[in-house]
Amino acid sequence: MAASGPTRVSALAAAAHLALGRALSHPGDRSAALDLLAADALITLALQAQAQDAPERLEEFATSVLRTARPDA
């Protein structure tokens, strides 16, 4: 059974964060390209899921995703 609501959004964001971490752990290495593409797709899906579930919280969610990916932001 697929996750729904906040669980689905959180799972997608967490998976994106892991994929981005893998890509960033190999800067300049072409093998990181697939991890970077996966991170991009997962972030897109997480944002889309948030927009469907609670559009009024999309900006807050997007900001939290950015802060997680870039703690200095």
C-alpha atoms as a PDB file:
ATOM      1  CA  MET A   1       0.000   0.000   0.000  1.00  0.00           C
ATOM      2  CA  ALA A   2       1.332   3.452  -0.924  1.00  0.00           C
ATOM      3  CA  ALA A   3       1.967   6.092   1.709  1.00  0.00           C
ATOM      4  CA  SER A   4      -0.474   8.969   1.828  1.00  0.00           C
ATOM      5  CA  GLY A   5      -0.615  12.531   3.039  1.00  0.00           C
ATOM      6  CA  PRO A   6       2.231  13.832   5.194  1.00  0.00           C
ATOM      7  CA  THR A   7       3.837  10.381   5.289  1.00  0.00           C
ATOM      8  CA  ARG A   8       4.106  10.308   1.503  1.00  0.00           C
ATOM      9  CA  VAL A   9       5.450  13.857   1.348  1.00  0.00           C
ATOM     10  CA  SER A  10       7.989  13.183   4.103  1.00  0.00           C
ATOM     11  CA  ALA A  11       9.121   9.910   2.534  1.00  0.00           C
ATOM     12  CA  LEU A  12       9.677  11.563  -0.843  1.00  0.00           C
ATOM     13  CA  ALA A  13      11.583  14.464   0.727  1.00  0.00           C
ATOM     14  CA  ALA A  14      13.754  12.084   2.776  1.00  0.00           C
ATOM     15  CA  ALA A  15      14.555   9.975  -0.285  1.00  0.00           C
ATOM     16  CA  ALA A  16      15.446  13.132  -2.220  1.00  0.00           C
ATOM     17  CA  HIS A  17      17.740  14.244   0.588  1.00  0.00           C
ATOM     18  CA  LEU A  18      19.526  10.870   0.539  1.00  0.00           C
ATOM     19  CA  ALA A  19      19.947  10.961  -3.247  1.00  0.00           C
ATOM     20  CA  LEU A  20      21.265  14.522  -3.087  1.00  0.00           C
ATOM     21  CA  GLY A  21      23.713  13.517  -0.356  1.00  0.00           C
ATOM     22  CA  ARG A  22      25.025  10.712  -2.534  1.00  0.00           C
ATOM     23  CA  ALA A  23      25.439  13.061  -5.489  1.00  0.00           C
ATOM     24  CA  LEU A  24      27.246  15.660  -3.391  1.00  0.00           C
ATOM     25  CA  SER A  25      29.567  13.084  -1.885  1.00  0.00           C
ATOM     26  CA  HIS A  26      31.151  12.622  -5.334  1.00  0.00           C
ATOM     27  CA  PRO A  27      31.510  16.163  -6.737  1.00  0.00           C
ATOM     28  CA  GLY A  28      32.801  16.252 -10.280  1.00  0.00           C
ATOM     29  CA  ASP A  29      32.296  12.520 -10.716  1.00  0.00           C
ATOM     30  CA  ARG A  30      30.021  11.703 -13.651  1.00  0.00           C
ATOM     31  CA  SER A  31      28.653   8.716 -11.749  1.00  0.00           C
ATOM     32  CA  ALA A  32      26.833  11.164  -9.468  1.00  0.00           C
ATOM     33  CA  ALA A  33      24.613  12.278 -12.361  1.00  0.00           C
ATOM     34  CA  LEU A  34      21.989   9.595 -11.781  1.00  0.00           C
ATOM     35  CA  ASP A  35      21.811  10.401  -8.078  1.00  0.00           C
ATOM     36  CA  LEU A  36      21.381  14.078  -8.925  1.00  0.00           C
ATOM     37  CA  LEU A  37      18.611  13.294 -11.413  1.00  0.00           C
ATOM     38  CA  ALA A  38      16.922  11.070  -8.831  1.00  0.00           C
ATOM     39  CA  ALA A  39      17.128  13.843  -6.224  1.00  0.00           C
ATOM     40  CA  ASP A  40      15.591  16.313  -8.666  1.00  0.00           C
ATOM     41  CA  ALA A  41      12.741  13.954  -9.529  1.00  0.00           C
ATOM     42  CA  LEU A  42      12.054  13.098  -5.885  1.00  0.00           C
ATOM     43  CA  ILE A  43      12.006  16.762  -4.839  1.00  0.00           C
ATOM     44  CA  THR A  44       9.601  17.488  -7.685  1.00  0.00           C
ATOM     45  CA  LEU A  45       7.339  14.634  -6.587  1.00  0.00           C
ATOM     46  CA  ALA A  46       7.489  15.756  -2.953  1.00  0.00           C
ATOM     47  CA  LEU A  47       6.512  19.299  -3.907  1.00  0.00           C
ATOM     48  CA  GLN A  48       3.706  18.018  -6.114  1.00  0.00           C
ATOM     49  CA  ALA A  49       2.419  15.757  -3.332  1.00  0.00           C
ATOM     50  CA  GLN A  50       2.492  18.656  -0.872  1.00  0.00           C
ATOM     51  CA  ALA A  51       0.620  20.855  -3.353  1.00  0.00           C
ATOM     52  CA  GLN A  52      -2.056  18.187  -3.691  1.00  0.00           C
ATOM     53  CA  ASP A  53      -2.351  17.430   0.023  1.00  0.00           C
ATOM     54  CA  ALA A  54      -2.061  20.904   1.533  1.00  0.00           C
ATOM     55  CA  PRO A  55      -1.433  23.665  -1.004  1.00  0.00           C
ATOM     56  CA  GLU A  56      -1.625  26.322   1.713  1.00  0.00           C
ATOM     57  CA  ARG A  57       1.579  24.843   3.232  1.00  0.00           C
ATOM     58  CA  LEU A  58       3.547  24.485  -0.018  1.00  0.00           C
ATOM     59  CA  GLU A  59       5.780  27.517   0.547  1.00  0.00           C
ATOM     60  CA  GLU A  60       6.579  26.410   4.101  1.00  0.00           C
ATOM     61  CA  PHE A  61       7.370  22.896   2.902  1.00  0.00           C
ATOM     62  CA  ALA A  62       9.555  24.125   0.035  1.00  0.00           C
ATOM     63  CA  THR A  63      11.504  26.329   2.438  1.00  0.00           C
ATOM     64  CA  SER A  64      12.014  23.424   4.836  1.00  0.00           C
ATOM     65  CA  VAL A  65      13.270  21.223   1.999  1.00  0.00           C
ATOM     66  CA  LEU A  66      15.742  23.924   0.985  1.00  0.00           C
ATOM     67  CA  ARG A  67      16.955  24.341   4.564  1.00  0.00           C
ATOM     68  CA  THR A  68      17.429  20.587   4.895  1.00  0.00           C
ATOM     69  CA  ALA A  69      19.429  20.446   1.677  1.00  0.00           C
ATOM     70  CA  ARG A  70      21.418  23.595   2.507  1.00  0.00           C
ATOM     71  CA  PRO A  71      21.651  24.148   6.257  1.00  0.00           C
ATOM     72  CA  ASP A  72      23.427  27.487   5.674  1.00  0.00           C
ATOM     73  CA  ALA A  73      20.495  28.826   3.608  1.00  0.00           C
END
